[in-house]
Amino acid sequence: MANTIDVTAETFKSTVVDSDKPVVVDFWAEWCGPCKKLSPLLDEIASDMGEKITVAKVDVDSERTLGAMFQVMSIPTVLIFKNGEKVDEFVGLRPKHEIVEKIESHL
């Protein structure tokens, strides 16, 4: 998780909304099996694309307000923000190449 940032309600604006590059936000939970499979993929993507994007993680159990704010009903939910606005999202585990394609479409 070296290239990812844990985000809280207090740091969301500065990390995500005010970012000068696209931010991939993973809404996850410790008990979620698909989340545990997605996490290493996002870590790899963060390493591969580190200069172009930021990958942030939101633990929905400890950050319920953020989950509610973005109407996260299922996890993992991944939102992509650009210029402070949500521009894309997907729910569930996806193959790495599909995630990268989604991200690259917003670079």
C-alpha atoms as a PDB file:
ATOM      1  CA  MET A   1       0.000   0.000   0.000  1.00  0.00           C
ATOM      2  CA  ALA A   2       3.031   2.235  -0.346  1.00  0.00           C
ATOM      3  CA  ASN A   3       1.696   4.270  -3.250  1.00  0.00           C
ATOM      4  CA  THR A   4      -1.846   4.641  -1.985  1.00  0.00           C
ATOM      5  CA  ILE A   5      -3.249   7.161   0.460  1.00  0.00           C
ATOM      6  CA  ASP A   6      -5.803   6.440   3.181  1.00  0.00           C
ATOM      7  CA  VAL A   7      -8.438   9.156   3.067  1.00  0.00           C
ATOM      8  CA  THR A   8     -10.784  10.313   5.821  1.00  0.00           C
ATOM      9  CA  ALA A   9     -13.620  12.837   5.851  1.00  0.00           C
ATOM     10  CA  GLU A  10     -11.077  15.402   7.106  1.00  0.00           C
ATOM     11  CA  THR A  11      -8.552  14.782   4.288  1.00  0.00           C
ATOM     12  CA  PHE A  12     -10.958  14.066   1.399  1.00  0.00           C
ATOM     13  CA  LYS A  13     -11.130  17.628   0.084  1.00  0.00           C
ATOM     14  CA  SER A  14      -7.378  18.243   0.155  1.00  0.00           C
ATOM     15  CA  THR A  15      -6.487  14.803  -1.231  1.00  0.00           C
ATOM     16  CA  VAL A  16      -9.249  14.256  -3.781  1.00  0.00           C
ATOM     17  CA  VAL A  17     -11.196  17.421  -4.609  1.00  0.00           C
ATOM     18  CA  ASP A  18      -8.185  19.776  -4.681  1.00  0.00           C
ATOM     19  CA  SER A  19      -5.874  17.330  -6.509  1.00  0.00           C
ATOM     20  CA  ASP A  20      -4.239  18.538  -9.724  1.00  0.00           C
ATOM     21  CA  LYS A  21      -4.318  15.016 -11.170  1.00  0.00           C
ATOM     22  CA  PRO A  22      -7.042  12.355 -11.414  1.00  0.00           C
ATOM     23  CA  VAL A  23      -7.757  10.496  -8.176  1.00  0.00           C
ATOM     24  CA  VAL A  24      -8.957   6.895  -8.032  1.00  0.00           C
ATOM     25  CA  VAL A  25     -10.887   6.385  -4.776  1.00  0.00           C
ATOM     26  CA  ASP A  26     -11.440   2.829  -3.554  1.00  0.00           C
ATOM     27  CA  PHE A  27     -14.294   2.432  -1.043  1.00  0.00           C
ATOM     28  CA  TRP A  28     -13.533  -0.832   0.771  1.00  0.00           C
ATOM     29  CA  ALA A  29     -13.830  -2.722   4.075  1.00  0.00           C
ATOM     30  CA  GLU A  30     -11.562  -5.145   5.921  1.00  0.00           C
ATOM     31  CA  TRP A  31     -14.166  -7.947   5.870  1.00  0.00           C
ATOM     32  CA  CYS A  32     -14.873  -7.681   2.113  1.00  0.00           C
ATOM     33  CA  GLY A  33     -13.401 -10.537   0.055  1.00  0.00           C
ATOM     34  CA  PRO A  34     -13.547  -8.807  -3.364  1.00  0.00           C
ATOM     35  CA  CYS A  35     -12.006  -5.688  -1.756  1.00  0.00           C
ATOM     36  CA  LYS A  36      -9.011  -7.760  -0.658  1.00  0.00           C
ATOM     37  CA  LYS A  37      -8.566  -9.002  -4.235  1.00  0.00           C
ATOM     38  CA  LEU A  38      -8.919  -5.517  -5.731  1.00  0.00           C
ATOM     39  CA  SER A  39      -6.505  -3.838  -3.321  1.00  0.00           C
ATOM     40  CA  PRO A  40      -3.263  -5.345  -4.737  1.00  0.00           C
ATOM     41  CA  LEU A  41      -4.406  -4.474  -8.286  1.00  0.00           C
ATOM     42  CA  LEU A  42      -4.904  -0.842  -7.277  1.00  0.00           C
ATOM     43  CA  ASP A  43      -1.516  -0.897  -5.516  1.00  0.00           C
ATOM     44  CA  GLU A  44       0.099  -2.085  -8.778  1.00  0.00           C
ATOM     45  CA  ILE A  45      -1.742   0.572 -10.767  1.00  0.00           C
ATOM     46  CA  ALA A  46      -0.615   3.216  -8.257  1.00  0.00           C
ATOM     47  CA  SER A  47       2.995   2.058  -8.747  1.00  0.00           C
ATOM     48  CA  ASP A  48       2.703   1.900 -12.537  1.00  0.00           C
ATOM     49  CA  MET A  49       0.903   5.224 -12.985  1.00  0.00           C
ATOM     50  CA  GLY A  50       2.136   7.056  -9.897  1.00  0.00           C
ATOM     51  CA  GLU A  51       3.150  10.257 -11.675  1.00  0.00           C
ATOM     52  CA  LYS A  52      -0.188  10.601 -13.468  1.00  0.00           C
ATOM     53  CA  ILE A  53      -2.738   9.654 -10.796  1.00  0.00           C
ATOM     54  CA  THR A  54      -3.353   9.347  -7.074  1.00  0.00           C
ATOM     55  CA  VAL A  55      -4.938   6.210  -5.627  1.00  0.00           C
ATOM     56  CA  ALA A  56      -6.851   6.810  -2.405  1.00  0.00           C
ATOM     57  CA  LYS A  57      -8.619   4.323  -0.147  1.00  0.00           C
ATOM     58  CA  VAL A  58     -11.642   4.931   2.061  1.00  0.00           C
ATOM     59  CA  ASP A  59     -12.500   2.382   4.757  1.00  0.00           C
ATOM     60  CA  VAL A  60     -16.308   2.520   4.739  1.00  0.00           C
ATOM     61  CA  ASP A  61     -16.551   1.103   8.254  1.00  0.00           C
ATOM     62  CA  SER A  62     -14.621   3.989   9.795  1.00  0.00           C
ATOM     63  CA  GLU A  63     -15.669   6.643   7.253  1.00  0.00           C
ATOM     64  CA  ARG A  64     -19.418   6.097   6.985  1.00  0.00           C
ATOM     65  CA  THR A  65     -20.088   9.744   6.102  1.00  0.00           C
ATOM     66  CA  LEU A  66     -17.981   9.535   2.947  1.00  0.00           C
ATOM     67  CA  GLY A  67     -19.671   6.301   1.922  1.00  0.00           C
ATOM     68  CA  ALA A  68     -23.076   7.912   2.422  1.00  0.00           C
ATOM     69  CA  MET A  69     -22.047  11.131   0.659  1.00  0.00           C
ATOM     70  CA  PHE A  70     -21.222   9.180  -2.511  1.00  0.00           C
ATOM     71  CA  GLN A  71     -24.113   6.719  -2.085  1.00  0.00           C
ATOM     72  CA  VAL A  72     -21.836   3.697  -1.888  1.00  0.00           C
ATOM     73  CA  MET A  73     -24.224   0.746  -1.620  1.00  0.00           C
ATOM     74  CA  SER A  74     -21.873  -2.110  -2.519  1.00  0.00           C
ATOM     75  CA  ILE A  75     -18.162  -2.559  -2.053  1.00  0.00           C
ATOM     76  CA  PRO A  76     -15.702  -2.394  -3.529  1.00  0.00           C
ATOM     77  CA  THR A  77     -16.864   0.776  -5.250  1.00  0.00           C
ATOM     78  CA  VAL A  78     -14.219   2.759  -7.099  1.00  0.00           C
ATOM     79  CA  LEU A  79     -14.852   6.389  -8.053  1.00  0.00           C
ATOM     80  CA  ILE A  80     -12.593   8.362 -10.380  1.00  0.00           C
ATOM     81  CA  PHE A  81     -12.340  12.102  -9.780  1.00  0.00           C
ATOM     82  CA  LYS A  82     -10.874  14.703 -12.117  1.00  0.00           C
ATOM     83  CA  ASN A  83     -10.740  18.413 -11.317  1.00  0.00           C
ATOM     84  CA  GLY A  84     -12.716  17.735  -8.136  1.00  0.00           C
ATOM     85  CA  GLU A  85     -15.652  16.106  -9.956  1.00  0.00           C
ATOM     86  CA  LYS A  86     -16.631  12.447 -10.125  1.00  0.00           C
ATOM     87  CA  VAL A  87     -16.118  11.432 -13.761  1.00  0.00           C
ATOM     88  CA  ASP A  88     -16.386   7.633 -13.614  1.00  0.00           C
ATOM     89  CA  GLU A  89     -17.042   4.708 -11.322  1.00  0.00           C
ATOM     90  CA  PHE A  90     -17.305   0.947 -11.147  1.00  0.00           C
ATOM     91  CA  VAL A  91     -18.530  -1.533  -8.569  1.00  0.00           C
ATOM     92  CA  GLY A  92     -16.941  -4.895  -7.866  1.00  0.00           C
ATOM     93  CA  LEU A  93     -13.740  -6.604  -8.869  1.00  0.00           C
ATOM     94  CA  ARG A  94     -12.498  -5.896 -12.398  1.00  0.00           C
ATOM     95  CA  PRO A  95      -9.414  -7.093 -14.305  1.00  0.00           C
ATOM     96  CA  LYS A  96      -6.397  -4.784 -14.067  1.00  0.00           C
ATOM     97  CA  HIS A  97      -6.399  -3.900 -17.792  1.00  0.00           C
ATOM     98  CA  GLU A  98     -10.048  -2.805 -17.581  1.00  0.00           C
ATOM     99  CA  ILE A  99      -9.328  -0.552 -14.586  1.00  0.00           C
ATOM    100  CA  VAL A 100      -6.301   0.953 -16.347  1.00  0.00           C
ATOM    101  CA  GLU A 101      -8.385   1.644 -19.479  1.00  0.00           C
ATOM    102  CA  LYS A 102     -11.011   3.449 -17.383  1.00  0.00           C
ATOM    103  CA  ILE A 103      -8.345   5.562 -15.689  1.00  0.00           C
ATOM    104  CA  GLU A 104      -6.486   6.337 -18.927  1.00  0.00           C
ATOM    105  CA  SER A 105      -9.684   7.609 -20.529  1.00  0.00           C
ATOM    106  CA  HIS A 106      -9.578  10.476 -18.012  1.00  0.00           C
ATOM    107  CA  LEU A 107      -5.918  11.454 -18.335  1.00  0.00           C
END
